[in-house]
Each structure stands twice: as C-alpha cells, then as structure tokens.
C-alpha cells in the first residue's frame, strides 16, 4: 500500500517539483501536458520543457510553442505554429494550405481527421502581431480554428524537447 501511494502520488509531484527547480536554473520552464491536442507528437501527462520568450517573440512555421492565454484559463497549452503574419491559412480535405501551397505535415495522421472541423477551414489571413496555431490531433484540439489567430504575446515560449525521453 505504501509503495503504491509513493509510486503513484508522491513521486510524480516530487519529480515535477525537482524539474521546475532545475529548469529555472537553466533558463527554461517545464510543465506536464493536460490533454491530447498534440498527440501523437506529445501525450497527456508528458513532462515537457520550453524556453520562455521575452520581448522579441519570433516564431517560425512548424515550431511547437506553449500558449498562455485567457482562452485556456490558467493552463499552458502546446500548439504548432502553422501560420504567421500575412499568411493565408486553410484546410481542404484535411490538408493544410499556406498561401495556396500544400504543406506536408509529417507529424500528422490525416486518417484521424473525421469531423468537418478537421477537414475544412478558412481561408483566413493572419494579421500582423498574430499567429495561427493547430494541435496535431485535429479532431479534439481547440486552437485557432476555434478561437481565431492568437496574439504573439500569448506565446509563453518554444518547446525545447520533452523532458522524458
């Protein structure tokens, strides 16, 4: 009984606490993912590390960022940047198109896209100071298709790597 309590309740909290201390000393932050919006790339319960972005927030298409937005409550949510300022973003039959060019998404299993929400969207043009983000698990992800483009100041940081390899 003690081993079960230790293994399932105490150790993950201790691990998370130690990880946060180590992260703060090395300039990055860490947190445990809640939900599967980035599955199969990142999974619920997985500990990830991210580098906080300061004043000049520069991100590129394809990068996984951590969003801190009032739209998510207090949760940090990882998402993939697919569109930056000036881009025209749309989904056609589950395929991503940026500026009318098809984008190969190696991280995505298009067979999992079953809902209209995942199959077709847009087009929408991303305004200056905003990004368009999508979760890798399109059917369940609440992202820019749901909330619209996110302001750059809602990006907390860039994913460094999963803390658990």
Foldseek 3Di string as FASTA:
>chain_A
DVCVCCVPPVVVVVVQVVQQVVQVVVQKGKDAAQDDLQPPVDHHRFIFIFHFDDDDQDDDAQFWFWFQDVVVPRDIHIWGFHFAAFWFWKAAQLFIDTNNHTDDDPSADSVLPDDPQRHIADGDGHHHQWTFTGHRNRVPDCTCRNVNTDGSVRTGGTTPGTPPD
